[in-house]
PDB file of N, CA and C in Angstrom:
ATOM      1  N   MET A   1    -127.560-204.435  56.945  1.00  0.00           N
ATOM      2  CA  MET A   1    -127.146-204.810  58.279  1.00  0.00           C
ATOM      3  C   MET A   1    -128.239-205.662  58.924  1.00  0.00           C
ATOM      4  N   ILE A   2    -127.818-206.540  59.768  1.00  0.00           N
ATOM      5  CA  ILE A   2    -128.726-207.574  60.237  1.00  0.00           C
ATOM      6  C   ILE A   2    -129.783-207.116  61.229  1.00  0.00           C
ATOM      7  N   HIS A   3    -129.588-206.002  61.889  1.00  0.00           N
ATOM      8  CA  HIS A   3    -130.532-205.577  62.920  1.00  0.00           C
ATOM      9  C   HIS A   3    -131.514-204.494  62.451  1.00  0.00           C
ATOM     10  N   GLU A   4    -131.337-204.000  61.252  1.00  0.00           N
ATOM     11  CA  GLU A   4    -132.107-202.843  60.796  1.00  0.00           C
ATOM     12  C   GLU A   4    -133.616-203.061  60.814  1.00  0.00           C
ATOM     13  N   GLN A   5    -134.083-204.218  60.370  1.00  0.00           N
ATOM     14  CA  GLN A   5    -135.531-204.469  60.345  1.00  0.00           C
ATOM     15  C   GLN A   5    -136.121-204.466  61.757  1.00  0.00           C
ATOM     16  N   ASN A   6    -135.423-205.080  62.693  1.00  0.00           N
ATOM     17  CA  ASN A   6    -135.876-205.125  64.076  1.00  0.00           C
ATOM     18  C   ASN A   6    -135.899-203.722  64.688  1.00  0.00           C
ATOM     19  N   ILE A   7    -134.889-202.937  64.414  1.00  0.00           N
ATOM     20  CA  ILE A   7    -134.803-201.570  64.920  1.00  0.00           C
ATOM     21  C   ILE A   7    -135.940-200.724  64.346  1.00  0.00           C
ATOM     22  N   LYS A   8    -136.137-200.810  63.045  1.00  0.00           N
ATOM     23  CA  LYS A   8    -137.214-200.048  62.405  1.00  0.00           C
ATOM     24  C   LYS A   8    -138.575-200.453  62.956  1.00  0.00           C
ATOM     25  N   ALA A   9    -138.778-201.741  63.159  1.00  0.00           N
ATOM     26  CA  ALA A   9    -140.055-202.214  63.694  1.00  0.00           C
ATOM     27  C   ALA A   9    -140.301-201.627  65.075  1.00  0.00           C
ATOM     28  N   TYR A  10    -139.285-201.630  65.935  1.00  0.00           N
ATOM     29  CA  TYR A  10    -139.454-201.068  67.276  1.00  0.00           C
ATOM     30  C   TYR A  10    -139.765-199.570  67.207  1.00  0.00           C
ATOM     31  N   ILE A  11    -138.997-198.846  66.425  1.00  0.00           N
ATOM     32  CA  ILE A  11    -139.211-197.400  66.322  1.00  0.00           C
ATOM     33  C   ILE A  11    -140.632-197.105  65.868  1.00  0.00           C
ATOM     34  N   CYS A  12    -141.078-197.797  64.828  1.00  0.00           N
ATOM     35  CA  CYS A  12    -142.389-197.512  64.246  1.00  0.00           C
ATOM     36  C   CYS A  12    -143.551-198.039  65.078  1.00  0.00           C
ATOM     37  N   GLU A  13    -143.338-199.053  65.867  1.00  0.00           N
ATOM     38  CA  GLU A  13    -144.408-199.578  66.717  1.00  0.00           C
ATOM     39  C   GLU A  13    -144.489-198.842  68.049  1.00  0.00           C
ATOM     40  N   GLU A  14    -143.351-198.495  68.623  1.00  0.00           N
ATOM     41  CA  GLU A  14    -143.327-197.964  69.980  1.00  0.00           C
ATOM     42  C   GLU A  14    -143.049-196.466  70.094  1.00  0.00           C
ATOM     43  N   LEU A  15    -142.242-195.932  69.205  1.00  0.00           N
ATOM     44  CA  LEU A  15    -141.813-194.537  69.361  1.00  0.00           C
ATOM     45  C   LEU A  15    -142.439-193.592  68.343  1.00  0.00           C
ATOM     46  N   ALA A  16    -142.713-194.073  67.173  1.00  0.00           N
ATOM     47  CA  ALA A  16    -143.276-193.237  66.103  1.00  0.00           C
ATOM     48  C   ALA A  16    -144.313-194.033  65.325  1.00  0.00           C
ATOM     49  N   PRO A  17    -145.455-194.328  65.959  1.00  0.00           N
ATOM     50  CA  PRO A  17    -146.449-195.205  65.325  1.00  0.00           C
ATOM     51  C   PRO A  17    -147.080-194.640  64.056  1.00  0.00           C
ATOM     52  N   ASP A  18    -146.875-193.363  63.782  1.00  0.00           N
ATOM     53  CA  ASP A  18    -147.431-192.781  62.563  1.00  0.00           C
ATOM     54  C   ASP A  18    -146.533-193.004  61.344  1.00  0.00           C
ATOM     55  N   ILE A  19    -145.392-193.662  61.553  1.00  0.00           N
ATOM     56  CA  ILE A  19    -144.461-193.930  60.450  1.00  0.00           C
ATOM     57  C   ILE A  19    -144.497-195.410  60.095  1.00  0.00           C
ATOM     58  N   ASP A  20    -144.588-195.686  58.803  1.00  0.00           N
ATOM     59  CA  ASP A  20    -144.558-197.050  58.297  1.00  0.00           C
ATOM     60  C   ASP A  20    -143.096-197.502  58.215  1.00  0.00           C
ATOM     61  N   PRO A  21    -142.749-198.664  58.791  1.00  0.00           N
ATOM     62  CA  PRO A  21    -141.357-199.124  58.743  1.00  0.00           C
ATOM     63  C   PRO A  21    -140.771-199.160  57.335  1.00  0.00           C
ATOM     64  N   ALA A  22    -141.577-199.479  56.354  1.00  0.00           N
ATOM     65  CA  ALA A  22    -141.085-199.553  54.973  1.00  0.00           C
ATOM     66  C   ALA A  22    -140.694-198.179  54.430  1.00  0.00           C
ATOM     67  N   SER A  23    -141.270-197.120  54.992  1.00  0.00           N
ATOM     68  CA  SER A  23    -140.964-195.780  54.492  1.00  0.00           C
ATOM     69  C   SER A  23    -139.899-195.063  55.326  1.00  0.00           C
ATOM     70  N   LEU A  24    -139.367-195.729  56.348  1.00  0.00           N
ATOM     71  CA  LEU A  24    -138.343-195.118  57.190  1.00  0.00           C
ATOM     72  C   LEU A  24    -136.957-195.442  56.625  1.00  0.00           C
ATOM     73  N   PRO A  25    -136.292-194.445  56.041  1.00  0.00           N
ATOM     74  CA  PRO A  25    -134.957-194.694  55.498  1.00  0.00           C
ATOM     75  C   PRO A  25    -133.975-195.064  56.607  1.00  0.00           C
ATOM     76  N   THR A  26    -133.067-195.961  56.323  1.00  0.00           N
ATOM     77  CA  THR A  26    -132.124-196.395  57.350  1.00  0.00           C
ATOM     78  C   THR A  26    -131.081-195.341  57.669  1.00  0.00           C
ATOM     79  N   ASN A  27    -130.920-194.352  56.784  1.00  0.00           N
ATOM     80  CA  ASN A  27    -129.898-193.331  57.006  1.00  0.00           C
ATOM     81  C   ASN A  27    -130.451-191.984  57.455  1.00  0.00           C
ATOM     82  N   ILE A  28    -131.757-191.867  57.672  1.00  0.00           N
ATOM     83  CA  ILE A  28    -132.338-190.600  58.122  1.00  0.00           C
ATOM     84  C   ILE A  28    -131.906-190.326  59.559  1.00  0.00           C
ATOM     85  N   ASP A  29    -131.590-189.080  59.855  1.00  0.00           N
ATOM     86  CA  ASP A  29    -131.219-188.697  61.216  1.00  0.00           C
ATOM     87  C   ASP A  29    -132.486-188.696  62.066  1.00  0.00           C
ATOM     88  N   LEU A  30    -132.585-189.668  62.938  1.00  0.00           N
ATOM     89  CA  LEU A  30    -133.793-189.862  63.748  1.00  0.00           C
ATOM     90  C   LEU A  30    -134.052-188.711  64.702  1.00  0.00           C
ATOM     91  N   LEU A  31    -133.003-188.105  65.225  1.00  0.00           N
ATOM     92  CA  LEU A  31    -133.136-187.032  66.203  1.00  0.00           C
ATOM     93  C   LEU A  31    -133.456-185.697  65.549  1.00  0.00           C
ATOM     94  N   SER A  32    -132.663-185.292  64.579  1.00  0.00           N
ATOM     95  CA  SER A  32    -132.877-183.974  63.977  1.00  0.00           C
ATOM     96  C   SER A  32    -134.140-183.915  63.120  1.00  0.00           C
ATOM     97  N   ASN A  33    -134.625-185.063  62.671  1.00  0.00           N
ATOM     98  CA  ASN A  33    -135.857-185.092  61.874  1.00  0.00           C
ATOM     99  C   ASN A  33    -137.101-185.351  62.713  1.00  0.00           C
ATOM    100  N   GLY A  34    -136.931-185.425  64.029  1.00  0.00           N
ATOM    101  CA  GLY A  34    -138.078-185.542  64.919  1.00  0.00           C
ATOM    102  C   GLY A  34    -138.730-186.907  64.979  1.00  0.00           C
ATOM    103  N   VAL A  35    -138.059-187.922  64.457  1.00  0.00           N
ATOM    104  CA  VAL A  35    -138.621-189.270  64.529  1.00  0.00           C
ATOM    105  C   VAL A  35    -138.642-189.713  65.998  1.00  0.00           C
ATOM    106  N   ILE A  36    -137.562-189.429  66.705  1.00  0.00           N
ATOM    107  CA  ILE A  36    -137.524-189.665  68.148  1.00  0.00           C
ATOM    108  C   ILE A  36    -137.037-188.401  68.842  1.00  0.00           C
ATOM    109  N   ASP A  37    -137.524-188.189  70.068  1.00  0.00           N
ATOM    110  CA  ASP A  37    -137.102-187.046  70.864  1.00  0.00           C
ATOM    111  C   ASP A  37    -136.274-187.543  72.039  1.00  0.00           C
ATOM    112  N   SER A  38    -135.922-186.651  72.953  1.00  0.00           N
ATOM    113  CA  SER A  38    -135.030-187.046  74.055  1.00  0.00           C
ATOM    114  C   SER A  38    -135.655-188.105  74.955  1.00  0.00           C
ATOM    115  N   LEU A  39    -136.938-188.020  75.229  1.00  0.00           N
ATOM    116  CA  LEU A  39    -137.596-189.042  76.045  1.00  0.00           C
ATOM    117  C   LEU A  39    -137.647-190.378  75.308  1.00  0.00           C
ATOM    118  N   SER A  40    -137.958-190.318  74.031  1.00  0.00           N
ATOM    119  CA  SER A  40    -137.970-191.532  73.216  1.00  0.00           C
ATOM    120  C   SER A  40    -136.584-192.149  73.131  1.00  0.00           C
ATOM    121  N   LEU A  41    -135.553-191.312  73.121  1.00  0.00           N
ATOM    122  CA  LEU A  41    -134.182-191.811  73.062  1.00  0.00           C
ATOM    123  C   LEU A  41    -133.870-192.654  74.291  1.00  0.00           C
ATOM    124  N   VAL A  42    -134.331-192.213  75.446  1.00  0.00           N
ATOM    125  CA  VAL A  42    -134.123-192.985  76.676  1.00  0.00           C
ATOM    126  C   VAL A  42    -134.824-194.344  76.564  1.00  0.00           C
ATOM    127  N   ARG A  43    -136.060-194.337  76.116  1.00  0.00           N
ATOM    128  CA  ARG A  43    -136.795-195.596  75.921  1.00  0.00           C
ATOM    129  C   ARG A  43    -136.089-196.498  74.908  1.00  0.00           C
ATOM    130  N   PHE A  44    -135.572-195.902  73.851  1.00  0.00           N
ATOM    131  CA  PHE A  44    -134.872-196.628  72.799  1.00  0.00           C
ATOM    132  C   PHE A  44    -133.615-197.293  73.354  1.00  0.00           C
ATOM    133  N   ILE A  45    -132.862-196.570  74.140  1.00  0.00           N
ATOM    134  CA  ILE A  45    -131.639-197.116  74.733  1.00  0.00           C
ATOM    135  C   ILE A  45    -131.964-198.265  75.680  1.00  0.00           C
ATOM    136  N   ILE A  46    -133.004-198.119  76.485  1.00  0.00           N
ATOM    137  CA  ILE A  46    -133.421-199.201  77.386  1.00  0.00           C
ATOM    138  C   ILE A  46    -133.817-200.435  76.578  1.00  0.00           C
ATOM    139  N   TRP A  47    -134.541-200.234  75.492  1.00  0.00           N
ATOM    140  CA  TRP A  47    -134.933-201.360  74.632  1.00  0.00           C
ATOM    141  C   TRP A  47    -133.704-202.060  74.063  1.00  0.00           C
ATOM    142  N   ILE A  48    -132.717-201.286  73.586  1.00  0.00           N
ATOM    143  CA  ILE A  48    -131.494-201.874  73.032  1.00  0.00           C
ATOM    144  C   ILE A  48    -130.794-202.709  74.095  1.00  0.00           C
ATOM    145  N   GLU A  49    -130.713-202.186  75.313  1.00  0.00           N
ATOM    146  CA  GLU A  49    -130.094-202.943  76.406  1.00  0.00           C
ATOM    147  C   GLU A  49    -130.792-204.279  76.617  1.00  0.00           C
ATOM    148  N   GLU A  50    -132.118-204.226  76.683  1.00  0.00           N
ATOM    149  CA  GLU A  50    -132.899-205.436  76.953  1.00  0.00           C
ATOM    150  C   GLU A  50    -132.920-206.389  75.764  1.00  0.00           C
ATOM    151  N   GLU A  51    -133.097-205.863  74.586  1.00  0.00           N
ATOM    152  CA  GLU A  51    -133.220-206.686  73.380  1.00  0.00           C
ATOM    153  C   GLU A  51    -131.911-207.376  72.999  1.00  0.00           C
ATOM    154  N   TYR A  52    -130.806-206.670  73.190  1.00  0.00           N
ATOM    155  CA  TYR A  52    -129.521-207.181  72.715  1.00  0.00           C
ATOM    156  C   TYR A  52    -128.535-207.503  73.835  1.00  0.00           C
ATOM    157  N   GLY A  53    -128.949-207.321  75.090  1.00  0.00           N
ATOM    158  CA  GLY A  53    -128.089-207.664  76.217  1.00  0.00           C
ATOM    159  C   GLY A  53    -126.840-206.800  76.316  1.00  0.00           C
ATOM    160  N   ILE A  54    -126.964-205.550  75.934  1.00  0.00           N
ATOM    161  CA  ILE A  54    -125.841-204.620  75.993  1.00  0.00           C
ATOM    162  C   ILE A  54    -125.993-203.752  77.232  1.00  0.00           C
ATOM    163  N   SER A  55    -124.988-203.745  78.092  1.00  0.00           N
ATOM    164  CA  SER A  55    -125.006-202.892  79.277  1.00  0.00           C
ATOM    165  C   SER A  55    -124.399-201.540  78.915  1.00  0.00           C
ATOM    166  N   MET A  56    -125.223-200.514  78.927  1.00  0.00           N
ATOM    167  CA  MET A  56    -124.751-199.179  78.576  1.00  0.00           C
ATOM    168  C   MET A  56    -123.882-198.572  79.678  1.00  0.00           C
ATOM    169  N   ASP A  57    -123.912-199.161  80.878  1.00  0.00           N
ATOM    170  CA  ASP A  57    -123.125-198.633  81.994  1.00  0.00           C
ATOM    171  C   ASP A  57    -121.632-198.638  81.707  1.00  0.00           C
ATOM    172  N   SER A  58    -121.176-199.591  80.956  1.00  0.00           N
ATOM    173  CA  SER A  58    -119.739-199.733  80.701  1.00  0.00           C
ATOM    174  C   SER A  58    -119.313-199.183  79.343  1.00  0.00           C
ATOM    175  N   ILE A  59    -120.216-198.510  78.652  1.00  0.00           N
ATOM    176  CA  ILE A  59    -119.931-197.996  77.315  1.00  0.00           C
ATOM    177  C   ILE A  59    -120.122-196.476  77.312  1.00  0.00           C
ATOM    178  N   ASP A  60    -119.174-195.774  76.711  1.00  0.00           N
ATOM    179  CA  ASP A  60    -119.362-194.344  76.486  1.00  0.00           C
ATOM    180  C   ASP A  60    -120.296-194.200  75.295  1.00  0.00           C
ATOM    181  N   ILE A  61    -121.464-193.606  75.539  1.00  0.00           N
ATOM    182  CA  ILE A  61    -122.426-193.432  74.458  1.00  0.00           C
ATOM    183  C   ILE A  61    -122.652-191.947  74.213  1.00  0.00           C
ATOM    184  N   ALA A  62    -123.059-191.640  73.008  1.00  0.00           N
ATOM    185  CA  ALA A  62    -123.389-190.281  72.614  1.00  0.00           C
ATOM    186  C   ALA A  62    -124.655-190.336  71.769  1.00  0.00           C
ATOM    187  N   PRO A  63    -125.428-189.258  71.754  1.00  0.00           N
ATOM    188  CA  PRO A  63    -126.645-189.262  70.935  1.00  0.00           C
ATOM    189  C   PRO A  63    -126.382-189.627  69.479  1.00  0.00           C
ATOM    190  N   GLU A  64    -125.198-189.288  68.980  1.00  0.00           N
ATOM    191  CA  GLU A  64    -124.866-189.603  67.598  1.00  0.00           C
ATOM    192  C   GLU A  64    -124.864-191.111  67.329  1.00  0.00           C
ATOM    193  N   ASP A  65    -124.595-191.909  68.361  1.00  0.00           N
ATOM    194  CA  ASP A  65    -124.608-193.366  68.210  1.00  0.00           C
ATOM    195  C   ASP A  65    -125.993-193.871  67.829  1.00  0.00           C
ATOM    196  N   PHE A  66    -127.009-193.066  68.113  1.00  0.00           N
ATOM    197  CA  PHE A  66    -128.391-193.471  67.883  1.00  0.00           C
ATOM    198  C   PHE A  66    -129.066-192.559  66.859  1.00  0.00           C
ATOM    199  N   GLY A  67    -128.244-191.929  66.006  1.00  0.00           N
ATOM    200  CA  GLY A  67    -128.737-190.945  65.052  1.00  0.00           C
ATOM    201  C   GLY A  67    -129.515-191.506  63.874  1.00  0.00           C
ATOM    202  N   SER A  68    -129.261-192.741  63.510  1.00  0.00           N
ATOM    203  CA  SER A  68    -129.981-193.351  62.384  1.00  0.00           C
ATOM    204  C   SER A  68    -130.095-194.848  62.651  1.00  0.00           C
ATOM    205  N   VAL A  69    -130.945-195.487  61.911  1.00  0.00           N
ATOM    206  CA  VAL A  69    -131.095-196.937  62.029  1.00  0.00           C
ATOM    207  C   VAL A  69    -129.764-197.615  61.707  1.00  0.00           C
ATOM    208  N   GLU A  70    -129.068-197.122  60.691  1.00  0.00           N
ATOM    209  CA  GLU A  70    -127.763-197.687  60.329  1.00  0.00           C
ATOM    210  C   GLU A  70    -126.768-197.571  61.483  1.00  0.00           C
ATOM    211  N   LYS A  71    -126.714-196.392  62.126  1.00  0.00           N
ATOM    212  CA  LYS A  71    -125.776-196.178  63.227  1.00  0.00           C
ATOM    213  C   LYS A  71    -126.113-197.063  64.427  1.00  0.00           C
ATOM    214  N   VAL A  72    -127.391-197.224  64.698  1.00  0.00           N
ATOM    215  CA  VAL A  72    -127.803-198.082  65.808  1.00  0.00           C
ATOM    216  C   VAL A  72    -127.423-199.529  65.517  1.00  0.00           C
ATOM    217  N   SER A  73    -127.650-199.975  64.295  1.00  0.00           N
ATOM    218  CA  SER A  73    -127.299-201.335  63.920  1.00  0.00           C
ATOM    219  C   SER A  73    -125.794-201.568  64.068  1.00  0.00           C
ATOM    220  N   THR A  74    -125.003-200.614  63.630  1.00  0.00           N
ATOM    221  CA  THR A  74    -123.549-200.711  63.780  1.00  0.00           C
ATOM    222  C   THR A  74    -123.159-200.738  65.247  1.00  0.00           C
ATOM    223  N   PHE A  75    -123.781-199.887  66.054  1.00  0.00           N
ATOM    224  CA  PHE A  75    -123.518-199.838  67.495  1.00  0.00           C
ATOM    225  C   PHE A  75    -123.791-201.203  68.122  1.00  0.00           C
ATOM    226  N   ILE A  76    -124.910-201.799  67.769  1.00  0.00           N
ATOM    227  CA  ILE A  76    -125.277-203.115  68.312  1.00  0.00           C
ATOM    228  C   ILE A  76    -124.243-204.162  67.898  1.00  0.00           C
ATOM    229  N   GLU A  77    -123.861-204.151  66.637  1.00  0.00           N
ATOM    230  CA  GLU A  77    -122.876-205.122  66.162  1.00  0.00           C
ATOM    231  C   GLU A  77    -121.539-204.969  66.875  1.00  0.00           C
ATOM    232  N   LEU A  78    -121.147-203.741  67.163  1.00  0.00           N
ATOM    233  CA  LEU A  78    -119.877-203.492  67.839  1.00  0.00           C
ATOM    234  C   LEU A  78    -119.888-203.885  69.314  1.00  0.00           C
ATOM    235  N   HIS A  79    -121.074-203.872  69.920  1.00  0.00           N
ATOM    236  CA  HIS A  79    -121.151-204.079  71.367  1.00  0.00           C
ATOM    237  C   HIS A  79    -121.805-205.395  71.799  1.00  0.00           C
ATOM    238  N   THR A  80    -122.038-206.266  70.855  1.00  0.00           N
ATOM    239  CA  THR A  80    -122.479-207.609  71.218  1.00  0.00           C
ATOM    240  C   THR A  80    -121.319-208.553  70.992  1.00  0.00           C
ATOM    241  N   VAL A  81    -121.241-209.583  71.791  1.00  0.00           N
ATOM    242  CA  VAL A  81    -120.113-210.496  71.751  1.00  0.00           C
ATOM    243  C   VAL A  81    -119.932-211.130  70.389  1.00  0.00           C
ATOM    244  N   SER A  82    -121.017-211.626  69.830  1.00  0.00           N
ATOM    245  CA  SER A  82    -120.913-212.345  68.560  1.00  0.00           C
ATOM    246  C   SER A  82    -121.201-211.478  67.348  1.00  0.00           C
ATOM    247  N   GLY A  83    -121.725-210.252  67.606  1.00  0.00           N
ATOM    248  CA  GLY A  83    -122.101-209.403  66.480  1.00  0.00           C
ATOM    249  C   GLY A  83    -123.500-209.700  65.971  1.00  0.00           C
ATOM    250  N   ILE A  84    -124.133-210.747  66.522  1.00  0.00           N
ATOM    251  CA  ILE A  84    -125.519-211.064  66.190  1.00  0.00           C
ATOM    252  C   ILE A  84    -126.252-211.350  67.481  1.00  0.00           C
ATOM    253  N   ASP A  85    -127.553-211.244  67.450  1.00  0.00           N
ATOM    254  CA  ASP A  85    -128.313-211.532  68.671  1.00  0.00           C
ATOM    255  C   ASP A  85    -128.746-212.965  68.723  1.00  0.00           C
TER     256      ASP A  85
END
């Protein structure tokens, strides 16, 4: 998926600096495995809004939408006009 590298880079630089992006599987559950917590999730959602121009106000979101890098990438593709940034 086209956004996975960017998502992994953000997570590893800003939310979980002790994790190397190359070692972060795209399908790992970010929440249940402690990669991000509830506060980090808020920061992550704000970053997605700013980075991809997605207004979360008009979208029903659930924590599961942000459960893995793959799910986040799919979410971004579904909620951007062109499917790419």
